[in-house]
Amino acid sequence: MKADCFPFKNVVALSGAGQQHGSVYWKKGARDVLKNCKPDKSLF
């Protein structure tokens, strides 16, 4: 989207969907990592 010059600044609201019934298991301590991600590094 960034390469397509999508205007992220114009987005005032978003939502989404996920395939039903799939589940994800966050390890202890993951919340701190998620809340403090550094923008100079990839999320992955």
All heavy atoms as atom14 arrays in JSON, in Angstrom:
{
  "sequence": "MKADCFPFKNVVALSGAGQQHGSVYWKKGARDVLKNCKPDKSLF",
  "atom14_mask": [
    [1, 1, 1, 1, 1, 1, 1, 1, 0, 0, 0, 0, 0, 0],
    [1, 1, 1, 1, 1, 1, 1, 1, 1, 0, 0, 0, 0, 0],
    [1, 1, 1, 1, 1, 0, 0, 0, 0, 0, 0, 0, 0, 0],
    [1, 1, 1, 1, 1, 1, 1, 1, 0, 0, 0, 0, 0, 0],
    [1, 1, 1, 1, 1, 1, 0, 0, 0, 0, 0, 0, 0, 0],
    [1, 1, 1, 1, 1, 1, 1, 1, 1, 1, 1, 0, 0, 0],
    [1, 1, 1, 1, 1, 1, 1, 0, 0, 0, 0, 0, 0, 0],
    [1, 1, 1, 1, 1, 1, 1, 1, 1, 1, 1, 0, 0, 0],
    [1, 1, 1, 1, 1, 1, 1, 1, 1, 0, 0, 0, 0, 0],
    [1, 1, 1, 1, 1, 1, 1, 1, 0, 0, 0, 0, 0, 0],
    [1, 1, 1, 1, 1, 1, 1, 0, 0, 0, 0, 0, 0, 0],
    [1, 1, 1, 1, 1, 1, 1, 0, 0, 0, 0, 0, 0, 0],
    [1, 1, 1, 1, 1, 0, 0, 0, 0, 0, 0, 0, 0, 0],
    [1, 1, 1, 1, 1, 1, 1, 1, 0, 0, 0, 0, 0, 0],
    [1, 1, 1, 1, 1, 1, 0, 0, 0, 0, 0, 0, 0, 0],
    [1, 1, 1, 1, 0, 0, 0, 0, 0, 0, 0, 0, 0, 0],
    [1, 1, 1, 1, 1, 0, 0, 0, 0, 0, 0, 0, 0, 0],
    [1, 1, 1, 1, 0, 0, 0, 0, 0, 0, 0, 0, 0, 0],
    [1, 1, 1, 1, 1, 1, 1, 1, 1, 0, 0, 0, 0, 0],
    [1, 1, 1, 1, 1, 1, 1, 1, 1, 0, 0, 0, 0, 0],
    [1, 1, 1, 1, 1, 1, 1, 1, 1, 1, 0, 0, 0, 0],
    [1, 1, 1, 1, 0, 0, 0, 0, 0, 0, 0, 0, 0, 0],
    [1, 1, 1, 1, 1, 1, 0, 0, 0, 0, 0, 0, 0, 0],
    [1, 1, 1, 1, 1, 1, 1, 0, 0, 0, 0, 0, 0, 0],
    [1, 1, 1, 1, 1, 1, 1, 1, 1, 1, 1, 1, 0, 0],
    [1, 1, 1, 1, 1, 1, 1, 1, 1, 1, 1, 1, 1, 1],
    [1, 1, 1, 1, 1, 1, 1, 1, 1, 0, 0, 0, 0, 0],
    [1, 1, 1, 1, 1, 1, 1, 1, 1, 0, 0, 0, 0, 0],
    [1, 1, 1, 1, 0, 0, 0, 0, 0, 0, 0, 0, 0, 0],
    [1, 1, 1, 1, 1, 0, 0, 0, 0, 0, 0, 0, 0, 0],
    [1, 1, 1, 1, 1, 1, 1, 1, 1, 1, 1, 0, 0, 0],
    [1, 1, 1, 1, 1, 1, 1, 1, 0, 0, 0, 0, 0, 0],
    [1, 1, 1, 1, 1, 1, 1, 0, 0, 0, 0, 0, 0, 0],
    [1, 1, 1, 1, 1, 1, 1, 1, 0, 0, 0, 0, 0, 0],
    [1, 1, 1, 1, 1, 1, 1, 1, 1, 0, 0, 0, 0, 0],
    [1, 1, 1, 1, 1, 1, 1, 1, 0, 0, 0, 0, 0, 0],
    [1, 1, 1, 1, 1, 1, 0, 0, 0, 0, 0, 0, 0, 0],
    [1, 1, 1, 1, 1, 1, 1, 1, 1, 0, 0, 0, 0, 0],
    [1, 1, 1, 1, 1, 1, 1, 0, 0, 0, 0, 0, 0, 0],
    [1, 1, 1, 1, 1, 1, 1, 1, 0, 0, 0, 0, 0, 0],
    [1, 1, 1, 1, 1, 1, 1, 1, 1, 0, 0, 0, 0, 0],
    [1, 1, 1, 1, 1, 1, 0, 0, 0, 0, 0, 0, 0, 0],
    [1, 1, 1, 1, 1, 1, 1, 1, 0, 0, 0, 0, 0, 0],
    [1, 1, 1, 1, 1, 1, 1, 1, 1, 1, 1, 0, 0, 0]
  ],
  "atom14_positions": [
    [[0.83, -1.2, 0.0], [0.0, 0.0, 0.0], [0.87, 1.26, 0.0], [0.58, 2.23, -0.7], [-0.93, -0.01, 1.22], [-1.93, -1.15, 1.23], [-2.87, -1.29, 2.77], [-3.96, 0.14, 2.63], [0.0, 0.0, 0.0], [0.0, 0.0, 0.0], [0.0, 0.0, 0.0], [0.0, 0.0, 0.0], [0.0, 0.0, 0.0], [0.0, 0.0, 0.0]],
    [[1.93, 1.22, 0.77], [2.86, 2.36, 0.81], [3.49, 2.59, -0.56], [3.6, 3.73, -1.02], [3.93, 2.09, 1.86], [4.87, 3.25, 2.14], [5.83, 2.89, 3.27], [6.77, 4.04, 3.61], [7.67, 3.68, 4.74], [0.0, 0.0, 0.0], [0.0, 0.0, 0.0], [0.0, 0.0, 0.0], [0.0, 0.0, 0.0], [0.0, 0.0, 0.0]],
    [[3.89, 1.51, -1.23], [4.48, 1.63, -2.56], [3.48, 2.18, -3.57], [3.87, 2.85, -4.56], [4.99, 0.27, -3.02], [0.0, 0.0, 0.0], [0.0, 0.0, 0.0], [0.0, 0.0, 0.0], [0.0, 0.0, 0.0], [0.0, 0.0, 0.0], [0.0, 0.0, 0.0], [0.0, 0.0, 0.0], [0.0, 0.0, 0.0], [0.0, 0.0, 0.0]],
    [[2.19, 1.92, -3.33], [1.13, 2.44, -4.2], [0.73, 3.87, -3.82], [-0.24, 4.41, -4.38], [-0.11, 1.55, -4.11], [0.05, 0.22, -4.81], [0.91, 0.13, -5.72], [-0.67, -0.74, -4.45], [0.0, 0.0, 0.0], [0.0, 0.0, 0.0], [0.0, 0.0, 0.0], [0.0, 0.0, 0.0], [0.0, 0.0, 0.0], [0.0, 0.0, 0.0]],
    [[1.48, 4.46, -2.87], [1.2, 5.83, -2.41], [-0.2, 5.94, -1.81], [-0.9, 6.96, -1.99], [1.39, 6.84, -3.53], [3.06, 6.9, -4.19], [0.0, 0.0, 0.0], [0.0, 0.0, 0.0], [0.0, 0.0, 0.0], [0.0, 0.0, 0.0], [0.0, 0.0, 0.0], [0.0, 0.0, 0.0], [0.0, 0.0, 0.0], [0.0, 0.0, 0.0]],
    [[-0.63, 4.9, -1.13], [-1.93, 4.95, -0.48], [-1.92, 6.02, 0.61], [-0.98, 6.08, 1.41], [-2.28, 3.6, 0.15], [-3.61, 3.6, 0.85], [-4.79, 3.48, 0.12], [-3.69, 3.77, 2.22], [-6.02, 3.5, 0.75], [-4.92, 3.8, 2.86], [-6.08, 3.67, 2.13], [0.0, 0.0, 0.0], [0.0, 0.0, 0.0], [0.0, 0.0, 0.0]],
    [[-2.97, 6.87, 0.67], [-2.98, 7.98, 1.63], [-3.43, 7.52, 3.03], [-4.57, 7.75, 3.45], [-3.98, 8.96, 1.01], [-4.93, 8.1, 0.25], [-4.11, 6.94, -0.27], [0.0, 0.0, 0.0], [0.0, 0.0, 0.0], [0.0, 0.0, 0.0], [0.0, 0.0, 0.0], [0.0, 0.0, 0.0], [0.0, 0.0, 0.0], [0.0, 0.0, 0.0]],
    [[-2.53, 6.89, 3.78], [-2.87, 6.42, 5.12], [-3.4, 7.55, 6.0], [-4.23, 7.31, 6.88], [-1.63, 5.8, 5.78], [-1.16, 4.52, 5.16], [-0.08, 4.49, 4.29], [-1.8, 3.32, 5.45], [0.36, 3.31, 3.73], [-1.36, 2.13, 4.91], [-0.28, 2.12, 4.03], [0.0, 0.0, 0.0], [0.0, 0.0, 0.0], [0.0, 0.0, 0.0]],
    [[-2.93, 8.75, 5.77], [-3.32, 9.89, 6.62], [-4.8, 10.2, 6.51], [-5.37, 10.86, 7.39], [-2.51, 11.13, 6.24], [-2.79, 11.68, 4.85], [-1.94, 12.9, 4.53], [-2.31, 13.53, 3.19], [-2.18, 12.59, 2.05], [0.0, 0.0, 0.0], [0.0, 0.0, 0.0], [0.0, 0.0, 0.0], [0.0, 0.0, 0.0], [0.0, 0.0, 0.0]],
    [[-5.46, 9.74, 5.44], [-6.88, 10.02, 5.26], [-7.79, 8.99, 5.92], [-9.01, 9.15, 5.92], [-7.22, 10.07, 3.76], [-6.6, 11.27, 3.07], [-5.98, 12.1, 3.71], [-6.75, 11.34, 1.76], [0.0, 0.0, 0.0], [0.0, 0.0, 0.0], [0.0, 0.0, 0.0], [0.0, 0.0, 0.0], [0.0, 0.0, 0.0], [0.0, 0.0, 0.0]],
    [[-7.23, 7.91, 6.45], [-8.03, 6.86, 7.06], [-8.47, 7.29, 8.45], [-7.64, 7.55, 9.32], [-7.24, 5.53, 7.14], [-8.1, 4.45, 7.79], [-6.79, 5.1, 5.75], [0.0, 0.0, 0.0], [0.0, 0.0, 0.0], [0.0, 0.0, 0.0], [0.0, 0.0, 0.0], [0.0, 0.0, 0.0], [0.0, 0.0, 0.0], [0.0, 0.0, 0.0]],
    [[-9.77, 7.38, 8.65], [-10.28, 7.8, 9.96], [-10.79, 6.62, 10.78], [-10.97, 6.74, 11.99], [-11.41, 8.85, 9.8], [-10.85, 10.13, 9.17], [-12.58, 8.31, 8.98], [0.0, 0.0, 0.0], [0.0, 0.0, 0.0], [0.0, 0.0, 0.0], [0.0, 0.0, 0.0], [0.0, 0.0, 0.0], [0.0, 0.0, 0.0], [0.0, 0.0, 0.0]],
    [[-11.03, 5.48, 10.13], [-11.49, 4.29, 10.86], [-11.21, 3.05, 10.03], [-11.23, 3.09, 8.79], [-12.98, 4.37, 11.17], [0.0, 0.0, 0.0], [0.0, 0.0, 0.0], [0.0, 0.0, 0.0], [0.0, 0.0, 0.0], [0.0, 0.0, 0.0], [0.0, 0.0, 0.0], [0.0, 0.0, 0.0], [0.0, 0.0, 0.0], [0.0, 0.0, 0.0]],
    [[-10.92, 1.96, 10.71], [-10.7, 0.7, 10.02], [-11.24, -0.45, 10.88], [-11.4, -0.32, 12.08], [-9.22, 0.49, 9.69], [-8.22, 0.35, 10.85], [-8.12, -1.1, 11.34], [-6.83, 0.83, 10.41], [0.0, 0.0, 0.0], [0.0, 0.0, 0.0], [0.0, 0.0, 0.0], [0.0, 0.0, 0.0], [0.0, 0.0, 0.0], [0.0, 0.0, 0.0]],
    [[-11.5, -1.55, 10.22], [-11.88, -2.77, 10.92], [-11.46, -3.94, 10.05], [-10.87, -3.75, 8.97], [-13.38, -2.82, 11.22], [-13.67, -3.92, 12.06], [0.0, 0.0, 0.0], [0.0, 0.0, 0.0], [0.0, 0.0, 0.0], [0.0, 0.0, 0.0], [0.0, 0.0, 0.0], [0.0, 0.0, 0.0], [0.0, 0.0, 0.0], [0.0, 0.0, 0.0]],
    [[-11.75, -5.13, 10.49], [-11.33, -6.29, 9.73], [-12.03, -7.55, 10.17], [-12.84, -7.56, 11.1], [0.0, 0.0, 0.0], [0.0, 0.0, 0.0], [0.0, 0.0, 0.0], [0.0, 0.0, 0.0], [0.0, 0.0, 0.0], [0.0, 0.0, 0.0], [0.0, 0.0, 0.0], [0.0, 0.0, 0.0], [0.0, 0.0, 0.0], [0.0, 0.0, 0.0]],
    [[-11.67, -8.63, 9.48], [-12.25, -9.94, 9.75], [-11.13, -10.96, 9.74], [-10.09, -10.77, 9.1], [-13.29, -10.3, 8.7], [0.0, 0.0, 0.0], [0.0, 0.0, 0.0], [0.0, 0.0, 0.0], [0.0, 0.0, 0.0], [0.0, 0.0, 0.0], [0.0, 0.0, 0.0], [0.0, 0.0, 0.0], [0.0, 0.0, 0.0], [0.0, 0.0, 0.0]],
    [[-11.37, -12.06, 10.43], [-10.44, -13.18, 10.39], [-11.19, -14.46, 10.13], [-12.37, -14.59, 10.47], [0.0, 0.0, 0.0], [0.0, 0.0, 0.0], [0.0, 0.0, 0.0], [0.0, 0.0, 0.0], [0.0, 0.0, 0.0], [0.0, 0.0, 0.0], [0.0, 0.0, 0.0], [0.0, 0.0, 0.0], [0.0, 0.0, 0.0], [0.0, 0.0, 0.0]],
    [[-10.51, -15.42, 9.5], [-11.13, -16.74, 9.32], [-11.61, -17.23, 10.68], [-10.87, -17.17, 11.67], [-10.15, -17.71, 8.71], [-8.83, -17.82, 9.45], [-7.98, -18.98, 8.96], [-8.36, -20.14, 9.12], [-6.84, -18.68, 8.38], [0.0, 0.0, 0.0], [0.0, 0.0, 0.0], [0.0, 0.0, 0.0], [0.0, 0.0, 0.0], [0.0, 0.0, 0.0]],
    [[-12.85, -17.67, 10.73], [-13.39, -18.09, 12.03], [-12.74, -19.37, 12.53], [-12.3, -20.21, 11.74], [-14.9, -18.26, 11.93], [-15.63, -16.94, 11.8], [-17.08, -17.0, 12.22], [-17.96, -17.13, 11.39], [-17.33, -16.91, 13.51], [0.0, 0.0, 0.0], [0.0, 0.0, 0.0], [0.0, 0.0, 0.0], [0.0, 0.0, 0.0], [0.0, 0.0, 0.0]],
    [[-12.65, -19.46, 13.85], [-12.22, -20.65, 14.59], [-10.7, -20.82, 14.7], [-10.24, -21.68, 15.45], [-12.83, -21.94, 14.01], [-14.28, -21.82, 13.69], [-15.23, -21.47, 14.64], [-14.97, -21.97, 12.52], [-16.43, -21.43, 14.07], [-16.29, -21.73, 12.8], [0.0, 0.0, 0.0], [0.0, 0.0, 0.0], [0.0, 0.0, 0.0], [0.0, 0.0, 0.0]],
    [[-9.9, -20.02, 13.99], [-8.46, -20.07, 14.18], [-8.08, -19.38, 15.49], [-8.77, -18.47, 15.95], [0.0, 0.0, 0.0], [0.0, 0.0, 0.0], [0.0, 0.0, 0.0], [0.0, 0.0, 0.0], [0.0, 0.0, 0.0], [0.0, 0.0, 0.0], [0.0, 0.0, 0.0], [0.0, 0.0, 0.0], [0.0, 0.0, 0.0], [0.0, 0.0, 0.0]],
    [[-6.96, -19.81, 16.11], [-6.57, -19.25, 17.4], [-5.07, -19.01, 17.47], [-4.28, -19.71, 16.85], [-7.01, -20.17, 18.55], [-6.67, -21.52, 18.3], [0.0, 0.0, 0.0], [0.0, 0.0, 0.0], [0.0, 0.0, 0.0], [0.0, 0.0, 0.0], [0.0, 0.0, 0.0], [0.0, 0.0, 0.0], [0.0, 0.0, 0.0], [0.0, 0.0, 0.0]],
    [[-4.69, -17.98, 18.24], [-3.31, -17.54, 18.39], [-2.97, -17.51, 19.88], [-3.79, -17.05, 20.7], [-3.1, -16.14, 17.77], [-1.71, -15.6, 18.08], [-3.33, -16.2, 16.26], [0.0, 0.0, 0.0], [0.0, 0.0, 0.0], [0.0, 0.0, 0.0], [0.0, 0.0, 0.0], [0.0, 0.0, 0.0], [0.0, 0.0, 0.0], [0.0, 0.0, 0.0]],
    [[-1.77, -17.95, 20.23], [-1.37, -18.1, 21.62], [-0.15, -17.21, 21.9], [0.96, -17.51, 21.48], [-1.08, -19.58, 21.92], [-2.3, -20.42, 21.66], [-2.64, -20.8, 20.35], [-3.16, -20.78, 22.67], [-3.79, -21.53, 20.09], [-4.32, -21.52, 22.44], [-4.63, -21.88, 21.14], [-5.78, -22.59, 20.87], [0.0, 0.0, 0.0], [0.0, 0.0, 0.0]],
    [[-0.39, -16.09, 22.61], [0.66, -15.13, 22.91], [1.43, -15.59, 24.16], [0.84, -15.88, 25.2], [0.05, -13.75, 23.2], [-0.67, -13.11, 22.06], [-2.0, -13.23, 21.75], [-0.12, -12.21, 21.09], [-2.31, -12.45, 20.66], [-1.18, -11.82, 20.23], [1.16, -11.69, 20.86], [-0.99, -10.93, 19.17], [1.35, -10.82, 19.8], [0.29, -10.45, 18.97]],
    [[2.73, -15.59, 24.05], [3.6, -16.0, 25.16], [3.6, -14.95, 26.26], [3.38, -13.75, 26.01], [5.02, -16.19, 24.61], [6.03, -16.77, 25.56], [7.42, -16.81, 24.94], [7.47, -17.74, 23.75], [8.85, -17.82, 23.18], [0.0, 0.0, 0.0], [0.0, 0.0, 0.0], [0.0, 0.0, 0.0], [0.0, 0.0, 0.0], [0.0, 0.0, 0.0]],
    [[3.87, -15.38, 27.47], [3.99, -14.43, 28.58], [5.07, -13.4, 28.26], [6.16, -13.75, 27.81], [4.34, -15.17, 29.88], [3.17, -15.94, 30.47], [3.54, -16.62, 31.78], [2.32, -17.33, 32.38], [2.66, -18.04, 33.64], [0.0, 0.0, 0.0], [0.0, 0.0, 0.0], [0.0, 0.0, 0.0], [0.0, 0.0, 0.0], [0.0, 0.0, 0.0]],
    [[4.75, -12.12, 28.46], [5.66, -11.03, 28.13], [5.43, -10.44, 26.76], [6.01, -9.4, 26.42], [0.0, 0.0, 0.0], [0.0, 0.0, 0.0], [0.0, 0.0, 0.0], [0.0, 0.0, 0.0], [0.0, 0.0, 0.0], [0.0, 0.0, 0.0], [0.0, 0.0, 0.0], [0.0, 0.0, 0.0], [0.0, 0.0, 0.0], [0.0, 0.0, 0.0]],
    [[4.57, -11.09, 25.95], [4.37, -10.61, 24.57], [3.68, -9.25, 24.54], [3.94, -8.44, 23.65], [3.53, -11.63, 23.79], [0.0, 0.0, 0.0], [0.0, 0.0, 0.0], [0.0, 0.0, 0.0], [0.0, 0.0, 0.0], [0.0, 0.0, 0.0], [0.0, 0.0, 0.0], [0.0, 0.0, 0.0], [0.0, 0.0, 0.0], [0.0, 0.0, 0.0]],
    [[2.82, -8.99, 25.53], [2.11, -7.71, 25.51], [3.08, -6.53, 25.6], [2.91, -5.53, 24.91], [1.1, -7.64, 26.66], [0.23, -6.4, 26.61], [-0.77, -6.36, 27.76], [-1.73, -5.29, 27.57], [-2.65, -4.94, 28.46], [-2.74, -5.61, 29.62], [-3.49, -3.95, 28.22], [0.0, 0.0, 0.0], [0.0, 0.0, 0.0], [0.0, 0.0, 0.0]],
    [[4.09, -6.64, 26.43], [5.08, -5.57, 26.55], [5.79, -5.34, 25.23], [6.06, -4.19, 24.84], [6.09, -5.89, 27.65], [5.5, -5.77, 29.04], [4.47, -5.06, 29.18], [6.04, -6.38, 29.98], [0.0, 0.0, 0.0], [0.0, 0.0, 0.0], [0.0, 0.0, 0.0], [0.0, 0.0, 0.0], [0.0, 0.0, 0.0], [0.0, 0.0, 0.0]],
    [[6.12, -6.42, 24.54], [6.78, -6.3, 23.24], [5.84, -5.61, 22.25], [6.23, -4.69, 21.52], [7.2, -7.68, 22.71], [7.83, -7.55, 21.32], [8.16, -8.36, 23.67], [0.0, 0.0, 0.0], [0.0, 0.0, 0.0], [0.0, 0.0, 0.0], [0.0, 0.0, 0.0], [0.0, 0.0, 0.0], [0.0, 0.0, 0.0], [0.0, 0.0, 0.0]],
    [[4.58, -6.06, 22.22], [3.6, -5.52, 21.28], [3.37, -4.02, 21.51], [3.25, -3.25, 20.54], [2.29, -6.29, 21.44], [1.14, -6.0, 20.47], [1.54, -6.26, 19.04], [-0.08, -6.86, 20.85], [0.0, 0.0, 0.0], [0.0, 0.0, 0.0], [0.0, 0.0, 0.0], [0.0, 0.0, 0.0], [0.0, 0.0, 0.0], [0.0, 0.0, 0.0]],
    [[3.33, -3.61, 22.77], [3.06, -2.21, 23.09], [4.27, -1.3, 22.85], [4.1, -0.08, 22.77], [2.64, -2.1, 24.56], [1.29, -2.74, 24.86], [0.92, -2.64, 26.33], [0.56, -1.22, 26.71], [0.02, -1.17, 28.1], [0.0, 0.0, 0.0], [0.0, 0.0, 0.0], [0.0, 0.0, 0.0], [0.0, 0.0, 0.0], [0.0, 0.0, 0.0]],
    [[5.45, -1.87, 22.72], [6.66, -1.05, 22.64], [7.48, -1.33, 21.39], [8.71, -1.25, 21.41], [7.52, -1.27, 23.88], [6.83, -0.79, 25.15], [6.71, 0.41, 25.38], [6.39, -1.74, 25.98], [0.0, 0.0, 0.0], [0.0, 0.0, 0.0], [0.0, 0.0, 0.0], [0.0, 0.0, 0.0], [0.0, 0.0, 0.0], [0.0, 0.0, 0.0]],
    [[6.8, -1.65, 20.31], [7.51, -1.91, 19.06], [8.18, -0.64, 18.55], [7.6, 0.45, 18.59], [6.54, -2.45, 18.01], [6.08, -4.18, 18.28], [0.0, 0.0, 0.0], [0.0, 0.0, 0.0], [0.0, 0.0, 0.0], [0.0, 0.0, 0.0], [0.0, 0.0, 0.0], [0.0, 0.0, 0.0], [0.0, 0.0, 0.0], [0.0, 0.0, 0.0]],
    [[9.42, -0.79, 18.06], [10.21, 0.34, 17.56], [9.98, 0.5, 16.06], [10.1, -0.47, 15.3], [11.69, 0.1, 17.83], [12.03, -0.13, 19.31], [11.74, 1.12, 20.15], [12.26, 0.96, 21.58], [11.47, -0.04, 22.34], [0.0, 0.0, 0.0], [0.0, 0.0, 0.0], [0.0, 0.0, 0.0], [0.0, 0.0, 0.0], [0.0, 0.0, 0.0]],
    [[9.67, 1.72, 15.61], [9.32, 1.92, 14.2], [10.48, 1.71, 13.23], [10.25, 1.58, 12.02], [8.83, 3.37, 14.16], [9.4, 4.01, 15.37], [9.5, 2.95, 16.41], [0.0, 0.0, 0.0], [0.0, 0.0, 0.0], [0.0, 0.0, 0.0], [0.0, 0.0, 0.0], [0.0, 0.0, 0.0], [0.0, 0.0, 0.0], [0.0, 0.0, 0.0]],
    [[11.72, 1.65, 13.73], [12.85, 1.44, 12.82], [13.12, -0.05, 12.59], [14.05, -0.41, 11.86], [14.11, 2.12, 13.36], [14.51, 1.6, 14.74], [13.64, 1.08, 15.44], [15.7, 1.74, 15.09], [0.0, 0.0, 0.0], [0.0, 0.0, 0.0], [0.0, 0.0, 0.0], [0.0, 0.0, 0.0], [0.0, 0.0, 0.0], [0.0, 0.0, 0.0]],
    [[12.3, -0.93, 13.2], [12.44, -2.37, 13.02], [11.12, -2.95, 12.53], [10.05, -2.41, 12.83], [12.85, -3.05, 14.33], [14.2, -2.62, 14.87], [14.5, -3.36, 16.17], [15.85, -2.96, 16.73], [16.14, -3.67, 18.01], [0.0, 0.0, 0.0], [0.0, 0.0, 0.0], [0.0, 0.0, 0.0], [0.0, 0.0, 0.0], [0.0, 0.0, 0.0]],
    [[11.2, -4.05, 11.81], [9.97, -4.66, 11.29], [9.18, -5.29, 12.44], [9.74, -5.72, 13.45], [10.29, -5.73, 10.25], [10.8, -6.89, 10.87], [0.0, 0.0, 0.0], [0.0, 0.0, 0.0], [0.0, 0.0, 0.0], [0.0, 0.0, 0.0], [0.0, 0.0, 0.0], [0.0, 0.0, 0.0], [0.0, 0.0, 0.0], [0.0, 0.0, 0.0]],
    [[7.89, -5.34, 12.25], [7.02, -5.98, 13.23], [7.34, -7.47, 13.33], [7.33, -8.05, 14.41], [5.55, -5.77, 12.82], [4.49, -5.79, 13.92], [4.75, -4.73, 14.97], [3.1, -5.59, 13.3], [0.0, 0.0, 0.0], [0.0, 0.0, 0.0], [0.0, 0.0, 0.0], [0.0, 0.0, 0.0], [0.0, 0.0, 0.0], [0.0, 0.0, 0.0]],
    [[7.64, -8.07, 12.2], [7.96, -9.5, 12.17], [9.17, -9.8, 13.06], [9.14, -10.74, 13.86], [8.23, -9.94, 10.73], [8.62, -11.38, 10.61], [7.65, -12.37, 10.6], [9.95, -11.76, 10.5], [7.99, -13.71, 10.48], [10.31, -13.09, 10.39], [9.32, -14.07, 10.39], [0.0, 0.0, 0.0], [0.0, 0.0, 0.0], [0.0, 0.0, 0.0]]
  ]
}
